[in-house]
Amino acid sequence: MGKLEAVKAAPSRGAEWMGTIKMVIVTLAFVLGIRTVAAEPFVVPSPSMVPTLLIGDELLAAKYPYGIGKYSSPIGLMPDFAGRFAGHLPDRGDVIVFRLPRDPSETYVKRLIGLPGDRIQMKGGRLLVNGEVLPRRVAGIYQTVLDGTPQRFARYVETLPGGREHPILKRGVGSPLDETPEFTVPARHYFMMGDNRDMSLDSRVPAAEGGVGFVPEENLVGRADRVLYSRDPEVAAWDLADWRGIFRADRFLGRID
């Protein structure tokens, strides 16, 4: 008597499509989960954070340190709510990606200078926190090219309350933002500034005057932790003579302090 062999039916075309669709959904859910909870990439478009961040840097903003806010989702799925939950409060000196309070469709990156309750002021081009002038030391000259024009800045290393240091650039005394009134940071808000002090639109300019103003905690997106890669926008992709310089390899995966 012959043996009966089990015959496995070939999957139907519909079953194959369903399997593919399920795989795509799972993959998208995984990517969205990573971007929502863990980290999200952003490209730096302006010189406001030079020398810490350069135009053309693609940075990775870690979301988990500050918990979950309504702008944690990259595609706007989060409900509209104030404040944050989970995570911890930002530290003074963090470089932070946030949504612009007067226009949340725009994303900015600046350094956190003022915590809730702090008094912040500029006098003679020097930064004061709670009435004390922050110490800084000379760190040479910084030269770069912005929009095709050579630029030259004085470079300093500034020390924030608590001892954290970071570089800043100044062209000299006399910038419109070198003299400001004293700002008192409201509860659950933050005061942000660019490291390129004379080329940064930041919390020194109130939102009502077209600036950043105080940033509510729910507008924080994440902490800028690393530069994934960097492309020099001054080098055109079709300029074969300089093409090898189009990428700044020394900045790849660099830590942001």
C-alpha atoms as a PDB file:
ATOM      1  CA  MET A   1       0.000   0.000   0.000  1.00  0.00           C
ATOM      2  CA  GLY A   2       1.505   3.333  -0.963  1.00  0.00           C
ATOM      3  CA  LYS A   3       2.281   5.971   1.601  1.00  0.00           C
ATOM      4  CA  LEU A   4       0.177   9.073   1.683  1.00  0.00           C
ATOM      5  CA  GLU A   5       2.270  12.220   1.570  1.00  0.00           C
ATOM      6  CA  ALA A   6       1.042  15.340   3.262  1.00  0.00           C
ATOM      7  CA  VAL A   7       0.723  18.122   0.761  1.00  0.00           C
ATOM      8  CA  LYS A   8       1.200  21.673   2.098  1.00  0.00           C
ATOM      9  CA  ALA A   9      -0.945  24.137   0.229  1.00  0.00           C
ATOM     10  CA  ALA A  10       0.918  27.082  -1.254  1.00  0.00           C
ATOM     11  CA  PRO A  11       0.028  30.353   0.439  1.00  0.00           C
ATOM     12  CA  SER A  12      -2.464  32.414  -1.468  1.00  0.00           C
ATOM     13  CA  ARG A  13      -1.543  35.783  -2.959  1.00  0.00           C
ATOM     14  CA  GLY A  14      -3.820  37.431  -0.403  1.00  0.00           C
ATOM     15  CA  ALA A  15      -2.005  35.758   2.503  1.00  0.00           C
ATOM     16  CA  GLU A  16       1.341  36.940   1.115  1.00  0.00           C
ATOM     17  CA  TRP A  17       0.054  40.499   0.889  1.00  0.00           C
ATOM     18  CA  MET A  18      -1.288  40.334   4.436  1.00  0.00           C
ATOM     19  CA  GLY A  19       2.082  39.104   5.675  1.00  0.00           C
ATOM     20  CA  THR A  20       3.861  41.957   3.903  1.00  0.00           C
ATOM     21  CA  ILE A  21       1.411  44.527   5.254  1.00  0.00           C
ATOM     22  CA  LYS A  22       1.865  43.212   8.794  1.00  0.00           C
ATOM     23  CA  MET A  23       5.638  43.448   8.430  1.00  0.00           C
ATOM     24  CA  VAL A  24       5.405  47.047   7.196  1.00  0.00           C
ATOM     25  CA  ILE A  25       3.070  48.003  10.060  1.00  0.00           C
ATOM     26  CA  VAL A  26       5.367  46.438  12.664  1.00  0.00           C
ATOM     27  CA  THR A  27       8.404  48.160  11.136  1.00  0.00           C
ATOM     28  CA  LEU A  28       6.681  51.553  11.038  1.00  0.00           C
ATOM     29  CA  ALA A  29       5.482  51.122  14.610  1.00  0.00           C
ATOM     30  CA  PHE A  30       9.017  50.297  15.718  1.00  0.00           C
ATOM     31  CA  VAL A  31      10.523  53.309  13.916  1.00  0.00           C
ATOM     32  CA  LEU A  32       7.792  55.620  15.221  1.00  0.00           C
ATOM     33  CA  GLY A  33       8.315  54.277  18.735  1.00  0.00           C
ATOM     34  CA  ILE A  34      12.054  54.931  18.551  1.00  0.00           C
ATOM     35  CA  ARG A  35      11.504  58.453  17.174  1.00  0.00           C
ATOM     36  CA  THR A  36       8.809  59.194  19.744  1.00  0.00           C
ATOM     37  CA  VAL A  37      10.410  57.781  22.876  1.00  0.00           C
ATOM     38  CA  ALA A  38      14.134  57.535  22.229  1.00  0.00           C
ATOM     39  CA  ALA A  39      15.599  59.995  19.719  1.00  0.00           C
ATOM     40  CA  GLU A  40      14.994  62.017  16.569  1.00  0.00           C
ATOM     41  CA  PRO A  41      17.416  63.565  14.033  1.00  0.00           C
ATOM     42  CA  PHE A  42      17.463  67.277  13.152  1.00  0.00           C
ATOM     43  CA  VAL A  43      19.567  69.328  10.729  1.00  0.00           C
ATOM     44  CA  VAL A  44      21.111  72.612  11.941  1.00  0.00           C
ATOM     45  CA  PRO A  45      20.134  75.411   9.491  1.00  0.00           C
ATOM     46  CA  SER A  46      21.648  78.526  11.115  1.00  0.00           C
ATOM     47  CA  PRO A  47      24.918  79.762  12.698  1.00  0.00           C
ATOM     48  CA  SER A  48      23.347  80.616  16.072  1.00  0.00           C
ATOM     49  CA  MET A  49      25.114  77.760  17.897  1.00  0.00           C
ATOM     50  CA  VAL A  50      28.549  78.032  16.256  1.00  0.00           C
ATOM     51  CA  PRO A  51      31.104  76.768  17.306  1.00  0.00           C
ATOM     52  CA  THR A  52      29.233  74.015  19.200  1.00  0.00           C
ATOM     53  CA  LEU A  53      26.992  73.257  16.213  1.00  0.00           C
ATOM     54  CA  LEU A  54      27.731  74.119  12.595  1.00  0.00           C
ATOM     55  CA  ILE A  55      25.351  74.720   9.720  1.00  0.00           C
ATOM     56  CA  GLY A  56      24.834  71.346   8.093  1.00  0.00           C
ATOM     57  CA  ASP A  57      25.283  69.267  11.239  1.00  0.00           C
ATOM     58  CA  GLU A  58      22.685  66.530  11.606  1.00  0.00           C
ATOM     59  CA  LEU A  59      22.237  66.058  15.315  1.00  0.00           C
ATOM     60  CA  LEU A  60      20.467  63.398  17.330  1.00  0.00           C
ATOM     61  CA  ALA A  61      18.089  64.689  20.002  1.00  0.00           C
ATOM     62  CA  ALA A  62      17.521  62.217  22.832  1.00  0.00           C
ATOM     63  CA  LYS A  63      13.924  62.450  24.076  1.00  0.00           C
ATOM     64  CA  TYR A  64      13.991  60.116  27.063  1.00  0.00           C
ATOM     65  CA  PRO A  65      15.933  62.418  29.452  1.00  0.00           C
ATOM     66  CA  TYR A  66      13.091  64.954  29.695  1.00  0.00           C
ATOM     67  CA  GLY A  67      10.167  62.545  29.604  1.00  0.00           C
ATOM     68  CA  ILE A  68       7.119  62.894  27.382  1.00  0.00           C
ATOM     69  CA  GLY A  69       5.578  66.150  26.170  1.00  0.00           C
ATOM     70  CA  LYS A  70       3.023  66.975  23.505  1.00  0.00           C
ATOM     71  CA  TYR A  71       5.806  67.536  20.946  1.00  0.00           C
ATOM     72  CA  SER A  72       7.509  64.186  21.542  1.00  0.00           C
ATOM     73  CA  SER A  73       5.828  62.689  18.473  1.00  0.00           C
ATOM     74  CA  PRO A  74       7.451  63.584  15.137  1.00  0.00           C
ATOM     75  CA  ILE A  75       4.106  63.488  13.312  1.00  0.00           C
ATOM     76  CA  GLY A  76       1.862  65.285  15.775  1.00  0.00           C
ATOM     77  CA  LEU A  77      -0.022  62.343  17.242  1.00  0.00           C
ATOM     78  CA  MET A  78       0.349  63.422  20.854  1.00  0.00           C
ATOM     79  CA  PRO A  79      -2.686  65.067  22.485  1.00  0.00           C
ATOM     80  CA  ASP A  80      -2.552  68.742  23.418  1.00  0.00           C
ATOM     81  CA  PHE A  81      -1.537  68.913  27.066  1.00  0.00           C
ATOM     82  CA  ALA A  82       0.634  71.129  29.236  1.00  0.00           C
ATOM     83  CA  GLY A  83       3.774  70.073  31.092  1.00  0.00           C
ATOM     84  CA  ARG A  84       5.611  66.752  30.861  1.00  0.00           C
ATOM     85  CA  PHE A  85       5.530  63.399  32.596  1.00  0.00           C
ATOM     86  CA  ALA A  86       8.285  60.855  33.301  1.00  0.00           C
ATOM     87  CA  GLY A  87      11.934  61.806  32.802  1.00  0.00           C
ATOM     88  CA  HIS A  88      13.669  64.564  34.763  1.00  0.00           C
ATOM     89  CA  LEU A  89      14.158  68.312  34.495  1.00  0.00           C
ATOM     90  CA  PRO A  90      16.801  69.692  32.118  1.00  0.00           C
ATOM     91  CA  ASP A  91      20.192  70.721  33.467  1.00  0.00           C
ATOM     92  CA  ARG A  92      21.582  74.198  33.001  1.00  0.00           C
ATOM     93  CA  GLY A  93      23.943  74.115  30.035  1.00  0.00           C
ATOM     94  CA  ASP A  94      22.113  71.392  28.091  1.00  0.00           C
ATOM     95  CA  VAL A  95      21.831  71.972  24.347  1.00  0.00           C
ATOM     96  CA  ILE A  96      18.111  71.513  23.704  1.00  0.00           C
ATOM     97  CA  VAL A  97      15.881  71.072  20.666  1.00  0.00           C
ATOM     98  CA  PHE A  98      12.513  72.768  21.222  1.00  0.00           C
ATOM     99  CA  ARG A  99       9.446  74.073  19.429  1.00  0.00           C
ATOM    100  CA  LEU A 100       9.298  77.840  19.050  1.00  0.00           C
ATOM    101  CA  PRO A 101       6.613  79.110  21.480  1.00  0.00           C
ATOM    102  CA  ARG A 102       5.125  81.702  19.100  1.00  0.00           C
ATOM    103  CA  ASP A 103       5.137  79.252  16.162  1.00  0.00           C
ATOM    104  CA  PRO A 104       5.335  75.579  17.218  1.00  0.00           C
ATOM    105  CA  SER A 105       5.724  74.504  13.586  1.00  0.00           C
ATOM    106  CA  GLU A 106       9.334  75.768  13.819  1.00  0.00           C
ATOM    107  CA  THR A 107      12.058  73.821  15.642  1.00  0.00           C
ATOM    108  CA  TYR A 108      15.018  75.604  17.292  1.00  0.00           C
ATOM    109  CA  VAL A 109      18.163  74.419  19.043  1.00  0.00           C
ATOM    110  CA  LYS A 110      19.800  76.547  21.771  1.00  0.00           C
ATOM    111  CA  ARG A 111      21.606  76.210  25.079  1.00  0.00           C
ATOM    112  CA  LEU A 112      19.646  76.283  28.340  1.00  0.00           C
ATOM    113  CA  ILE A 113      20.917  79.241  30.366  1.00  0.00           C
ATOM    114  CA  GLY A 114      18.086  80.105  32.768  1.00  0.00           C
ATOM    115  CA  LEU A 115      16.056  77.766  34.982  1.00  0.00           C
ATOM    116  CA  PRO A 116      12.675  78.641  36.527  1.00  0.00           C
ATOM    117  CA  GLY A 117      13.124  81.490  38.998  1.00  0.00           C
ATOM    118  CA  ASP A 118      16.503  82.627  37.603  1.00  0.00           C
ATOM    119  CA  ARG A 119      17.193  86.262  36.789  1.00  0.00           C
ATOM    120  CA  ILE A 120      18.980  86.655  33.430  1.00  0.00           C
ATOM    121  CA  GLN A 121      20.508  89.820  31.964  1.00  0.00           C
ATOM    122  CA  MET A 122      23.128  91.035  29.489  1.00  0.00           C
ATOM    123  CA  LYS A 123      25.329  94.022  30.410  1.00  0.00           C
ATOM    124  CA  GLY A 124      28.156  95.242  28.218  1.00  0.00           C
ATOM    125  CA  GLY A 125      28.108  91.966  26.317  1.00  0.00           C
ATOM    126  CA  ARG A 126      28.517  89.889  29.498  1.00  0.00           C
ATOM    127  CA  LEU A 127      25.957  87.413  30.798  1.00  0.00           C
ATOM    128  CA  LEU A 128      24.617  87.785  34.329  1.00  0.00           C
ATOM    129  CA  VAL A 129      22.747  85.008  36.132  1.00  0.00           C
ATOM    130  CA  ASN A 130      21.038  86.004  39.380  1.00  0.00           C
ATOM    131  CA  GLY A 131      23.029  89.236  39.500  1.00  0.00           C
ATOM    132  CA  GLU A 132      26.448  87.604  39.052  1.00  0.00           C
ATOM    133  CA  VAL A 133      28.601  88.134  35.946  1.00  0.00           C
ATOM    134  CA  LEU A 134      29.575  84.748  34.586  1.00  0.00           C
ATOM    135  CA  PRO A 135      33.324  84.178  34.376  1.00  0.00           C
ATOM    136  CA  ARG A 136      34.833  83.592  30.965  1.00  0.00           C
ATOM    137  CA  ARG A 137      38.344  83.134  29.619  1.00  0.00           C
ATOM    138  CA  VAL A 138      39.817  84.008  26.235  1.00  0.00           C
ATOM    139  CA  ALA A 139      40.205  81.006  23.931  1.00  0.00           C
ATOM    140  CA  GLY A 140      41.625  82.580  20.771  1.00  0.00           C
ATOM    141  CA  ILE A 141      40.106  83.614  17.460  1.00  0.00           C
ATOM    142  CA  TYR A 142      37.475  81.645  15.547  1.00  0.00           C
ATOM    143  CA  GLN A 143      37.352  82.052  11.768  1.00  0.00           C
ATOM    144  CA  THR A 144      34.749  80.565   9.461  1.00  0.00           C
ATOM    145  CA  VAL A 145      32.772  81.231   6.280  1.00  0.00           C
ATOM    146  CA  LEU A 146      29.041  81.988   6.514  1.00  0.00           C
ATOM    147  CA  ASP A 147      26.949  82.499   3.383  1.00  0.00           C
ATOM    148  CA  GLY A 148      30.145  82.777   1.371  1.00  0.00           C
ATOM    149  CA  THR A 149      31.549  85.573   3.551  1.00  0.00           C
ATOM    150  CA  PRO A 150      34.611  85.086   5.809  1.00  0.00           C
ATOM    151  CA  GLN A 151      33.766  85.761   9.457  1.00  0.00           C
ATOM    152  CA  ARG A 152      36.054  86.374  12.416  1.00  0.00           C
ATOM    153  CA  PHE A 153      35.010  86.098  16.074  1.00  0.00           C
ATOM    154  CA  ALA A 154      36.626  86.277  19.484  1.00  0.00           C
ATOM    155  CA  ARG A 155      36.237  82.890  21.175  1.00  0.00           C
ATOM    156  CA  TYR A 156      35.692  82.504  24.935  1.00  0.00           C
ATOM    157  CA  VAL A 157      34.955  79.687  27.323  1.00  0.00           C
ATOM    158  CA  GLU A 158      32.108  80.680  29.646  1.00  0.00           C
ATOM    159  CA  THR A 159      31.418  79.019  33.012  1.00  0.00           C
ATOM    160  CA  LEU A 160      27.819  78.596  34.113  1.00  0.00           C
ATOM    161  CA  PRO A 161      26.694  78.430  37.753  1.00  0.00           C
ATOM    162  CA  GLY A 162      27.569  74.936  38.904  1.00  0.00           C
ATOM    163  CA  GLY A 163      30.855  74.886  36.959  1.00  0.00           C
ATOM    164  CA  ARG A 164      29.730  73.676  33.536  1.00  0.00           C
ATOM    165  CA  GLU A 165      31.765  75.234  30.706  1.00  0.00           C
ATOM    166  CA  HIS A 166      30.972  75.867  27.058  1.00  0.00           C
ATOM    167  CA  PRO A 167      32.384  77.966  24.193  1.00  0.00           C
ATOM    168  CA  ILE A 168      30.846  81.225  23.028  1.00  0.00           C
ATOM    169  CA  LEU A 169      31.658  83.609  20.166  1.00  0.00           C
ATOM    170  CA  LYS A 170      31.601  87.414  20.199  1.00  0.00           C
ATOM    171  CA  ARG A 171      32.320  89.949  17.487  1.00  0.00           C
ATOM    172  CA  GLY A 172      32.888  92.670  20.032  1.00  0.00           C
ATOM    173  CA  VAL A 173      30.848  94.979  22.246  1.00  0.00           C
ATOM    174  CA  GLY A 174      27.971  96.895  20.687  1.00  0.00           C
ATOM    175  CA  SER A 175      25.587  94.213  19.488  1.00  0.00           C
ATOM    176  CA  PRO A 176      21.896  95.097  20.006  1.00  0.00           C
ATOM    177  CA  LEU A 177      21.623  92.118  22.382  1.00  0.00           C
ATOM    178  CA  ASP A 178      24.593  93.133  24.527  1.00  0.00           C
ATOM    179  CA  GLU A 179      22.280  95.197  26.735  1.00  0.00           C
ATOM    180  CA  THR A 180      18.976  93.778  27.952  1.00  0.00           C
ATOM    181  CA  PRO A 181      16.591  94.281  30.841  1.00  0.00           C
ATOM    182  CA  GLU A 182      16.640  91.681  33.606  1.00  0.00           C
ATOM    183  CA  PHE A 183      14.391  88.710  32.802  1.00  0.00           C
ATOM    184  CA  THR A 184      12.904  86.550  35.559  1.00  0.00           C
ATOM    185  CA  VAL A 185      12.205  83.050  34.246  1.00  0.00           C
ATOM    186  CA  PRO A 186       8.629  81.957  35.093  1.00  0.00           C
ATOM    187  CA  ALA A 187       7.779  78.617  36.673  1.00  0.00           C
ATOM    188  CA  ARG A 188       7.904  75.669  34.246  1.00  0.00           C
ATOM    189  CA  HIS A 189       9.706  77.789  31.631  1.00  0.00           C
ATOM    190  CA  TYR A 190      13.318  78.086  30.443  1.00  0.00           C
ATOM    191  CA  PHE A 191      15.625  80.760  29.064  1.00  0.00           C
ATOM    192  CA  MET A 192      17.575  79.750  25.940  1.00  0.00           C
ATOM    193  CA  MET A 193      20.591  81.395  24.273  1.00  0.00           C
ATOM    194  CA  GLY A 194      22.821  80.661  21.292  1.00  0.00           C
ATOM    195  CA  ASP A 195      26.555  80.160  21.752  1.00  0.00           C
ATOM    196  CA  ASN A 196      27.135  82.565  18.850  1.00  0.00           C
ATOM    197  CA  ARG A 197      25.968  85.486  20.944  1.00  0.00           C
ATOM    198  CA  ASP A 198      25.824  88.153  18.227  1.00  0.00           C
ATOM    199  CA  MET A 199      24.085  85.954  15.622  1.00  0.00           C
ATOM    200  CA  SER A 200      21.375  84.269  17.686  1.00  0.00           C
ATOM    201  CA  LEU A 201      17.677  85.059  17.925  1.00  0.00           C
ATOM    202  CA  ASP A 202      16.864  83.621  21.346  1.00  0.00           C
ATOM    203  CA  SER A 203      15.166  84.272  24.692  1.00  0.00           C
ATOM    204  CA  ARG A 204      16.809  87.695  24.925  1.00  0.00           C
ATOM    205  CA  VAL A 205      14.135  88.835  22.438  1.00  0.00           C
ATOM    206  CA  PRO A 206      10.533  88.415  23.688  1.00  0.00           C
ATOM    207  CA  ALA A 207       8.124  86.397  21.564  1.00  0.00           C
ATOM    208  CA  ALA A 208       5.926  89.477  21.133  1.00  0.00           C
ATOM    209  CA  GLU A 209       8.871  91.168  19.356  1.00  0.00           C
ATOM    210  CA  GLY A 210       9.519  88.243  17.026  1.00  0.00           C
ATOM    211  CA  GLY A 211      11.989  86.426  19.257  1.00  0.00           C
ATOM    212  CA  VAL A 212      11.955  83.229  21.282  1.00  0.00           C
ATOM    213  CA  GLY A 213      11.014  84.494  24.735  1.00  0.00           C
ATOM    214  CA  PHE A 214      10.607  82.032  27.591  1.00  0.00           C
ATOM    215  CA  VAL A 215      10.220  78.415  26.469  1.00  0.00           C
ATOM    216  CA  PRO A 216       7.488  76.372  28.236  1.00  0.00           C
ATOM    217  CA  GLU A 217       8.545  72.914  29.395  1.00  0.00           C
ATOM    218  CA  GLU A 218       6.004  71.234  27.104  1.00  0.00           C
ATOM    219  CA  ASN A 219       7.824  72.727  24.079  1.00  0.00           C
ATOM    220  CA  LEU A 220      11.016  70.783  24.784  1.00  0.00           C
ATOM    221  CA  VAL A 221      11.638  68.063  22.201  1.00  0.00           C
ATOM    222  CA  GLY A 222      14.896  66.565  23.427  1.00  0.00           C
ATOM    223  CA  ARG A 223      18.520  66.987  24.464  1.00  0.00           C
ATOM    224  CA  ALA A 224      21.010  67.339  21.601  1.00  0.00           C
ATOM    225  CA  ASP A 225      23.519  64.586  22.396  1.00  0.00           C
ATOM    226  CA  ARG A 226      25.525  63.794  19.259  1.00  0.00           C
ATOM    227  CA  VAL A 227      26.277  64.988  15.744  1.00  0.00           C
ATOM    228  CA  LEU A 228      25.470  62.053  13.476  1.00  0.00           C
ATOM    229  CA  TYR A 229      27.241  63.550  10.477  1.00  0.00           C
ATOM    230  CA  SER A 230      28.034  66.972   9.061  1.00  0.00           C
ATOM    231  CA  ARG A 231      27.863  68.392   5.539  1.00  0.00           C
ATOM    232  CA  ASP A 232      29.477  71.720   4.699  1.00  0.00           C
ATOM    233  CA  PRO A 233      26.833  73.781   2.834  1.00  0.00           C
ATOM    234  CA  GLU A 234      29.550  76.084   1.504  1.00  0.00           C
ATOM    235  CA  VAL A 235      30.772  73.230  -0.749  1.00  0.00           C
ATOM    236  CA  ALA A 236      28.471  72.549  -3.705  1.00  0.00           C
ATOM    237  CA  ALA A 237      27.820  68.918  -4.583  1.00  0.00           C
ATOM    238  CA  TRP A 238      28.779  69.619  -8.217  1.00  0.00           C
ATOM    239  CA  ASP A 239      32.077  71.313  -7.287  1.00  0.00           C
ATOM    240  CA  LEU A 240      34.326  68.326  -7.992  1.00  0.00           C
ATOM    241  CA  ALA A 241      37.512  70.205  -7.053  1.00  0.00           C
ATOM    242  CA  ASP A 242      36.320  70.605  -3.432  1.00  0.00           C
ATOM    243  CA  TRP A 243      34.008  67.601  -3.259  1.00  0.00           C
ATOM    244  CA  ARG A 244      36.189  65.729  -0.768  1.00  0.00           C
ATOM    245  CA  GLY A 245      35.568  68.552   1.689  1.00  0.00           C
ATOM    246  CA  ILE A 246      31.785  68.339   1.456  1.00  0.00           C
ATOM    247  CA  PHE A 247      31.615  66.168   4.584  1.00  0.00           C
ATOM    248  CA  ARG A 248      33.234  67.160   7.891  1.00  0.00           C
ATOM    249  CA  ALA A 249      34.373  63.671   8.886  1.00  0.00           C
ATOM    250  CA  ASP A 250      35.925  64.895  12.147  1.00  0.00           C
ATOM    251  CA  ARG A 251      32.422  65.769  13.406  1.00  0.00           C
ATOM    252  CA  PHE A 252      30.802  62.392  12.713  1.00  0.00           C
ATOM    253  CA  LEU A 253      29.308  60.895  15.899  1.00  0.00           C
ATOM    254  CA  GLY A 254      30.798  63.740  17.934  1.00  0.00           C
ATOM    255  CA  ARG A 255      29.424  64.399  21.389  1.00  0.00           C
ATOM    256  CA  ILE A 256      27.621  67.709  21.989  1.00  0.00           C
ATOM    257  CA  ASP A 257      28.646  69.436  25.232  1.00  0.00           C
END
